[in-house]
Amino acid sequence: MPPALYTDGTVDCLIDDSLSVAERRRAAGNRAEVAVYPEGVRFHVYPTGLARQANARQFEFLRNSLSYVYST
């Protein structure tokens, strides 16, 4: 499976699901990262400073993942 990045805030109603799925992916030998933002909700679609941070992290994750795939 491809690498995965789960992005949640500490008050996001889906954070437990993201943590669980990420752990299951890791247990199966796949790469999974979790980025948790304090006081964040399902925020990365709103134009806030926290959303900009989350989006920048997501773009960096994608760039790194794609550069790894194309360098091997």
PDB file of N, CA and C in Angstrom:
ATOM      1  N   MET A   1       0.840  -1.172   0.000  1.00  0.00           N
ATOM      2  CA  MET A   1       0.000   0.000   0.000  1.00  0.00           C
ATOM      3  C   MET A   1       0.890   1.241   0.000  1.00  0.00           C
ATOM      4  N   PRO A   2       0.407   2.315  -0.578  1.00  0.00           N
ATOM      5  CA  PRO A   2       1.194   3.549  -0.578  1.00  0.00           C
ATOM      6  C   PRO A   2       1.254   4.147   0.820  1.00  0.00           C
ATOM      7  N   PRO A   3       2.226   5.021   1.070  1.00  0.00           N
ATOM      8  CA  PRO A   3       2.300   5.678   2.364  1.00  0.00           C
ATOM      9  C   PRO A   3       1.053   6.532   2.596  1.00  0.00           C
ATOM     10  N   ALA A   4       0.714   6.734   3.867  1.00  0.00           N
ATOM     11  CA  ALA A   4      -0.483   7.514   4.196  1.00  0.00           C
ATOM     12  C   ALA A   4      -0.157   8.528   5.287  1.00  0.00           C
ATOM     13  N   LEU A   5      -0.782   9.681   5.184  1.00  0.00           N
ATOM     14  CA  LEU A   5      -0.693  10.722   6.212  1.00  0.00           C
ATOM     15  C   LEU A   5      -2.106  11.042   6.660  1.00  0.00           C
ATOM     16  N   TYR A   6      -2.366  10.886   7.941  1.00  0.00           N
ATOM     17  CA  TYR A   6      -3.665  11.212   8.520  1.00  0.00           C
ATOM     18  C   TYR A   6      -3.524  12.532   9.257  1.00  0.00           C
ATOM     19  N   THR A   7      -4.362  13.497   8.918  1.00  0.00           N
ATOM     20  CA  THR A   7      -4.296  14.835   9.489  1.00  0.00           C
ATOM     21  C   THR A   7      -5.556  15.102  10.288  1.00  0.00           C
ATOM     22  N   ASP A   8      -5.374  15.341  11.585  1.00  0.00           N
ATOM     23  CA  ASP A   8      -6.507  15.586  12.462  1.00  0.00           C
ATOM     24  C   ASP A   8      -6.134  16.620  13.510  1.00  0.00           C
ATOM     25  N   GLY A   9      -7.155  17.182  14.114  1.00  0.00           N
ATOM     26  CA  GLY A   9      -6.977  18.072  15.248  1.00  0.00           C
ATOM     27  C   GLY A   9      -7.389  17.358  16.517  1.00  0.00           C
ATOM     28  N   THR A  10      -6.974  17.903  17.649  1.00  0.00           N
ATOM     29  CA  THR A  10      -7.277  17.242  18.916  1.00  0.00           C
ATOM     30  C   THR A  10      -8.765  17.234  19.235  1.00  0.00           C
ATOM     31  N   VAL A  11      -9.547  18.119  18.621  1.00  0.00           N
ATOM     32  CA  VAL A  11     -10.994  18.113  18.861  1.00  0.00           C
ATOM     33  C   VAL A  11     -11.767  17.630  17.633  1.00  0.00           C
ATOM     34  N   ASP A  12     -11.078  16.963  16.727  1.00  0.00           N
ATOM     35  CA  ASP A  12     -11.716  16.383  15.548  1.00  0.00           C
ATOM     36  C   ASP A  12     -12.454  15.123  15.962  1.00  0.00           C
ATOM     37  N   CYS A  13     -13.680  14.986  15.548  1.00  0.00           N
ATOM     38  CA  CYS A  13     -14.481  13.817  15.942  1.00  0.00           C
ATOM     39  C   CYS A  13     -13.950  12.517  15.347  1.00  0.00           C
ATOM     40  N   LEU A  14     -13.071  12.586  14.357  1.00  0.00           N
ATOM     41  CA  LEU A  14     -12.553  11.371  13.718  1.00  0.00           C
ATOM     42  C   LEU A  14     -11.130  11.015  14.133  1.00  0.00           C
ATOM     43  N   ILE A  15     -10.587  11.714  15.116  1.00  0.00           N
ATOM     44  CA  ILE A  15      -9.185  11.481  15.472  1.00  0.00           C
ATOM     45  C   ILE A  15      -8.937  10.045  15.926  1.00  0.00           C
ATOM     46  N   ASP A  16      -9.836   9.467  16.706  1.00  0.00           N
ATOM     47  CA  ASP A  16      -9.640   8.088  17.157  1.00  0.00           C
ATOM     48  C   ASP A  16      -9.606   7.114  15.982  1.00  0.00           C
ATOM     49  N   ASP A  17     -10.448   7.364  14.990  1.00  0.00           N
ATOM     50  CA  ASP A  17     -10.447   6.512  13.796  1.00  0.00           C
ATOM     51  C   ASP A  17      -9.118   6.624  13.053  1.00  0.00           C
ATOM     52  N   SER A  18      -8.620   7.832  12.904  1.00  0.00           N
ATOM     53  CA  SER A  18      -7.352   8.029  12.199  1.00  0.00           C
ATOM     54  C   SER A  18      -6.209   7.345  12.929  1.00  0.00           C
ATOM     55  N   LEU A  19      -6.164   7.485  14.244  1.00  0.00           N
ATOM     56  CA  LEU A  19      -5.103   6.854  15.021  1.00  0.00           C
ATOM     57  C   LEU A  19      -5.175   5.329  14.902  1.00  0.00           C
ATOM     58  N   SER A  20      -6.369   4.789  14.933  1.00  0.00           N
ATOM     59  CA  SER A  20      -6.566   3.344  14.831  1.00  0.00           C
ATOM     60  C   SER A  20      -6.155   2.810  13.459  1.00  0.00           C
ATOM     61  N   VAL A  21      -6.595   3.483  12.417  1.00  0.00           N
ATOM     62  CA  VAL A  21      -6.270   3.033  11.061  1.00  0.00           C
ATOM     63  C   VAL A  21      -4.770   3.145  10.809  1.00  0.00           C
ATOM     64  N   ALA A  22      -4.157   4.227  11.271  1.00  0.00           N
ATOM     65  CA  ALA A  22      -2.713   4.391  11.082  1.00  0.00           C
ATOM     66  C   ALA A  22      -1.953   3.269  11.785  1.00  0.00           C
ATOM     67  N   GLU A  23      -2.367   2.938  12.986  1.00  0.00           N
ATOM     68  CA  GLU A  23      -1.707   1.858  13.716  1.00  0.00           C
ATOM     69  C   GLU A  23      -1.885   0.516  13.009  1.00  0.00           C
ATOM     70  N   ARG A  24      -3.061   0.261  12.481  1.00  0.00           N
ATOM     71  CA  ARG A  24      -3.297  -0.991  11.757  1.00  0.00           C
ATOM     72  C   ARG A  24      -2.447  -1.058  10.488  1.00  0.00           C
ATOM     73  N   ARG A  25      -2.298   0.070   9.795  1.00  0.00           N
ATOM     74  CA  ARG A  25      -1.447   0.092   8.594  1.00  0.00           C
ATOM     75  C   ARG A  25       0.002  -0.211   8.962  1.00  0.00           C
ATOM     76  N   ARG A  26       0.475   0.424  10.055  1.00  0.00           N
ATOM     77  CA  ARG A  26       1.856   0.173  10.490  1.00  0.00           C
ATOM     78  C   ARG A  26       2.051  -1.295  10.867  1.00  0.00           C
ATOM     79  N   ALA A  27       1.083  -1.860  11.583  1.00  0.00           N
ATOM     80  CA  ALA A  27       1.173  -3.264  12.001  1.00  0.00           C
ATOM     81  C   ALA A  27       1.239  -4.196  10.794  1.00  0.00           C
ATOM     82  N   ALA A  28       0.648  -3.772   9.690  1.00  0.00           N
ATOM     83  CA  ALA A  28       0.671  -4.570   8.462  1.00  0.00           C
ATOM     84  C   ALA A  28       1.928  -4.315   7.632  1.00  0.00           C
ATOM     85  N   GLY A  29       2.834  -3.459   8.152  1.00  0.00           N
ATOM     86  CA  GLY A  29       4.089  -3.202   7.456  1.00  0.00           C
ATOM     87  C   GLY A  29       4.066  -2.043   6.490  1.00  0.00           C
ATOM     88  N   ASN A  30       3.049  -1.209   6.576  1.00  0.00           N
ATOM     89  CA  ASN A  30       2.944  -0.050   5.690  1.00  0.00           C
ATOM     90  C   ASN A  30       3.350   1.225   6.415  1.00  0.00           C
ATOM     91  N   ARG A  31       3.748   2.215   5.642  1.00  0.00           N
ATOM     92  CA  ARG A  31       4.130   3.501   6.229  1.00  0.00           C
ATOM     93  C   ARG A  31       2.876   4.334   6.461  1.00  0.00           C
ATOM     94  N   ALA A  32       2.719   4.809   7.694  1.00  0.00           N
ATOM     95  CA  ALA A  32       1.581   5.666   8.037  1.00  0.00           C
ATOM     96  C   ALA A  32       2.056   6.695   9.053  1.00  0.00           C
ATOM     97  N   GLU A  33       1.751   7.948   8.774  1.00  0.00           N
ATOM     98  CA  GLU A  33       2.079   9.039   9.687  1.00  0.00           C
ATOM     99  C   GLU A  33       0.791   9.707  10.128  1.00  0.00           C
ATOM    100  N   VAL A  34       0.831  10.264  11.330  1.00  0.00           N
ATOM    101  CA  VAL A  34      -0.317  10.996  11.847  1.00  0.00           C
ATOM    102  C   VAL A  34       0.168  12.380  12.261  1.00  0.00           C
ATOM    103  N   ALA A  35      -0.496  13.408  11.749  1.00  0.00           N
ATOM    104  CA  ALA A  35      -0.211  14.787  12.140  1.00  0.00           C
ATOM    105  C   ALA A  35      -1.409  15.284  12.937  1.00  0.00           C
ATOM    106  N   VAL A  36      -1.174  15.589  14.210  1.00  0.00           N
ATOM    107  CA  VAL A  36      -2.247  16.045  15.092  1.00  0.00           C
ATOM    108  C   VAL A  36      -1.978  17.497  15.465  1.00  0.00           C
ATOM    109  N   TYR A  37      -2.991  18.329  15.268  1.00  0.00           N
ATOM    110  CA  TYR A  37      -2.877  19.757  15.530  1.00  0.00           C
ATOM    111  C   TYR A  37      -3.733  20.133  16.736  1.00  0.00           C
ATOM    112  N   PRO A  38      -3.126  20.779  17.749  1.00  0.00           N
ATOM    113  CA  PRO A  38      -3.862  21.170  18.948  1.00  0.00           C
ATOM    114  C   PRO A  38      -5.048  22.069  18.622  1.00  0.00           C
ATOM    115  N   GLU A  39      -6.172  21.760  19.235  1.00  0.00           N
ATOM    116  CA  GLU A  39      -7.400  22.549  19.096  1.00  0.00           C
ATOM    117  C   GLU A  39      -7.978  22.534  17.681  1.00  0.00           C
ATOM    118  N   GLY A  40      -7.466  21.684  16.820  1.00  0.00           N
ATOM    119  CA  GLY A  40      -7.966  21.620  15.449  1.00  0.00           C
ATOM    120  C   GLY A  40      -9.194  20.729  15.337  1.00  0.00           C
ATOM    121  N   VAL A  41     -10.030  21.052  14.384  1.00  0.00           N
ATOM    122  CA  VAL A  41     -11.179  20.218  14.035  1.00  0.00           C
ATOM    123  C   VAL A  41     -10.954  19.736  12.611  1.00  0.00           C
ATOM    124  N   ARG A  42     -11.973  19.444  11.865  1.00  0.00           N
ATOM    125  CA  ARG A  42     -11.821  19.065  10.457  1.00  0.00           C
ATOM    126  C   ARG A  42     -11.560  20.370   9.709  1.00  0.00           C
ATOM    127  N   PHE A  43     -10.392  20.911   9.943  1.00  0.00           N
ATOM    128  CA  PHE A  43     -10.078  22.307   9.647  1.00  0.00           C
ATOM    129  C   PHE A  43      -9.367  22.552   8.336  1.00  0.00           C
ATOM    130  N   HIS A  44      -8.740  21.563   7.754  1.00  0.00           N
ATOM    131  CA  HIS A  44      -7.823  21.828   6.646  1.00  0.00           C
ATOM    132  C   HIS A  44      -8.518  22.303   5.376  1.00  0.00           C
ATOM    133  N   VAL A  45      -9.833  22.430   5.403  1.00  0.00           N
ATOM    134  CA  VAL A  45     -10.537  22.984   4.244  1.00  0.00           C
ATOM    135  C   VAL A  45     -10.869  24.466   4.443  1.00  0.00           C
ATOM    136  N   TYR A  46     -10.574  24.996   5.639  1.00  0.00           N
ATOM    137  CA  TYR A  46     -10.874  26.399   5.932  1.00  0.00           C
ATOM    138  C   TYR A  46      -9.600  27.238   5.846  1.00  0.00           C
ATOM    139  N   PRO A  47      -9.711  28.486   5.433  1.00  0.00           N
ATOM    140  CA  PRO A  47      -8.523  29.328   5.249  1.00  0.00           C
ATOM    141  C   PRO A  47      -8.012  29.911   6.583  1.00  0.00           C
ATOM    142  N   THR A  48      -7.445  29.072   7.424  1.00  0.00           N
ATOM    143  CA  THR A  48      -6.891  29.513   8.704  1.00  0.00           C
ATOM    144  C   THR A  48      -5.400  29.232   8.729  1.00  0.00           C
ATOM    145  N   GLY A  49      -4.711  29.800   9.696  1.00  0.00           N
ATOM    146  CA  GLY A  49      -3.287  29.540   9.842  1.00  0.00           C
ATOM    147  C   GLY A  49      -2.999  28.074  10.102  1.00  0.00           C
ATOM    148  N   LEU A  50      -3.831  27.455  10.927  1.00  0.00           N
ATOM    149  CA  LEU A  50      -3.657  26.035  11.221  1.00  0.00           C
ATOM    150  C   LEU A  50      -3.859  25.193   9.968  1.00  0.00           C
ATOM    151  N   ALA A  51      -4.829  25.555   9.159  1.00  0.00           N
ATOM    152  CA  ALA A  51      -5.075  24.834   7.907  1.00  0.00           C
ATOM    153  C   ALA A  51      -3.896  24.992   6.956  1.00  0.00           C
ATOM    154  N   ARG A  52      -3.315  26.183   6.901  1.00  0.00           N
ATOM    155  CA  ARG A  52      -2.138  26.375   6.040  1.00  0.00           C
ATOM    156  C   ARG A  52      -0.984  25.493   6.491  1.00  0.00           C
ATOM    157  N   GLN A  53      -0.796  25.375   7.809  1.00  0.00           N
ATOM    158  CA  GLN A  53       0.248  24.484   8.324  1.00  0.00           C
ATOM    159  C   GLN A  53      -0.023  23.037   7.920  1.00  0.00           C
ATOM    160  N   ALA A  54      -1.256  22.610   8.102  1.00  0.00           N
ATOM    161  CA  ALA A  54      -1.620  21.228   7.769  1.00  0.00           C
ATOM    162  C   ALA A  54      -1.456  20.962   6.282  1.00  0.00           C
ATOM    163  N   ASN A  55      -1.901  21.892   5.460  1.00  0.00           N
ATOM    164  CA  ASN A  55      -1.767  21.711   4.011  1.00  0.00           C
ATOM    165  C   ASN A  55      -0.308  21.673   3.595  1.00  0.00           C
ATOM    166  N   ALA A  56       0.529  22.514   4.196  1.00  0.00           N
ATOM    167  CA  ALA A  56       1.958  22.503   3.872  1.00  0.00           C
ATOM    168  C   ALA A  56       2.568  21.159   4.238  1.00  0.00           C
ATOM    169  N   ARG A  57       2.174  20.606   5.378  1.00  0.00           N
ATOM    170  CA  ARG A  57       2.674  19.287   5.793  1.00  0.00           C
ATOM    171  C   ARG A  57       2.218  18.216   4.810  1.00  0.00           C
ATOM    172  N   GLN A  58       0.973  18.304   4.363  1.00  0.00           N
ATOM    173  CA  GLN A  58       0.464  17.326   3.400  1.00  0.00           C
ATOM    174  C   GLN A  58       1.216  17.413   2.074  1.00  0.00           C
ATOM    175  N   PHE A  59       1.459  18.621   1.592  1.00  0.00           N
ATOM    176  CA  PHE A  59       2.201  18.787   0.337  1.00  0.00           C
ATOM    177  C   PHE A  59       3.618  18.248   0.474  1.00  0.00           C
ATOM    178  N   GLU A  60       4.271  18.508   1.619  1.00  0.00           N
ATOM    179  CA  GLU A  60       5.616  17.993   1.857  1.00  0.00           C
ATOM    180  C   GLU A  60       5.611  16.464   1.881  1.00  0.00           C
ATOM    181  N   PHE A  61       4.630  15.880   2.536  1.00  0.00           N
ATOM    182  CA  PHE A  61       4.496  14.424   2.592  1.00  0.00           C
ATOM    183  C   PHE A  61       4.359  13.850   1.185  1.00  0.00           C
ATOM    184  N   LEU A  62       3.499  14.460   0.375  1.00  0.00           N
ATOM    185  CA  LEU A  62       3.305  13.976  -0.996  1.00  0.00           C
ATOM    186  C   LEU A  62       4.573  14.112  -1.830  1.00  0.00           C
ATOM    187  N   ARG A  63       5.242  15.256  -1.730  1.00  0.00           N
ATOM    188  CA  ARG A  63       6.495  15.447  -2.473  1.00  0.00           C
ATOM    189  C   ARG A  63       7.519  14.391  -2.085  1.00  0.00           C
ATOM    190  N   ASN A  64       7.678  14.168  -0.779  1.00  0.00           N
ATOM    191  CA  ASN A  64       8.658  13.180  -0.323  1.00  0.00           C
ATOM    192  C   ASN A  64       8.273  11.775  -0.760  1.00  0.00           C
ATOM    193  N   SER A  65       7.006  11.458  -0.685  1.00  0.00           N
ATOM    194  CA  SER A  65       6.559  10.123  -1.082  1.00  0.00           C
ATOM    195  C   SER A  65       6.754   9.902  -2.568  1.00  0.00           C
ATOM    196  N   LEU A  66       6.414  10.890  -3.371  1.00  0.00           N
ATOM    197  CA  LEU A  66       6.574  10.748  -4.822  1.00  0.00           C
ATOM    198  C   LEU A  66       8.034  10.731  -5.232  1.00  0.00           C
ATOM    199  N   SER A  67       8.867  11.528  -4.595  1.00  0.00           N
ATOM    200  CA  SER A  67      10.285  11.522  -4.959  1.00  0.00           C
ATOM    201  C   SER A  67      10.917  10.184  -4.602  1.00  0.00           C
ATOM    202  N   TYR A  68      10.463   9.551  -3.515  1.00  0.00           N
ATOM    203  CA  TYR A  68      10.959   8.218  -3.163  1.00  0.00           C
ATOM    204  C   TYR A  68      10.549   7.194  -4.226  1.00  0.00           C
ATOM    205  N   VAL A  69       9.296   7.252  -4.638  1.00  0.00           N
ATOM    206  CA  VAL A  69       8.793   6.297  -5.621  1.00  0.00           C
ATOM    207  C   VAL A  69       9.558   6.425  -6.931  1.00  0.00           C
ATOM    208  N   TYR A  70       9.788   7.656  -7.374  1.00  0.00           N
ATOM    209  CA  TYR A  70      10.436   7.859  -8.669  1.00  0.00           C
ATOM    210  C   TYR A  70      11.949   7.716  -8.609  1.00  0.00           C
ATOM    211  N   SER A  71      12.536   7.670  -7.415  1.00  0.00           N
ATOM    212  CA  SER A  71      13.990   7.512  -7.333  1.00  0.00           C
ATOM    213  C   SER A  71      14.391   6.042  -7.225  1.00  0.00           C
ATOM    214  N   THR A  72      13.418   5.156  -7.006  1.00  0.00           N
ATOM    215  CA  THR A  72      13.765   3.730  -6.879  1.00  0.00           C
ATOM    216  C   THR A  72      13.522   2.992  -8.161  1.00  0.00           C
TER     217      THR A  72
END
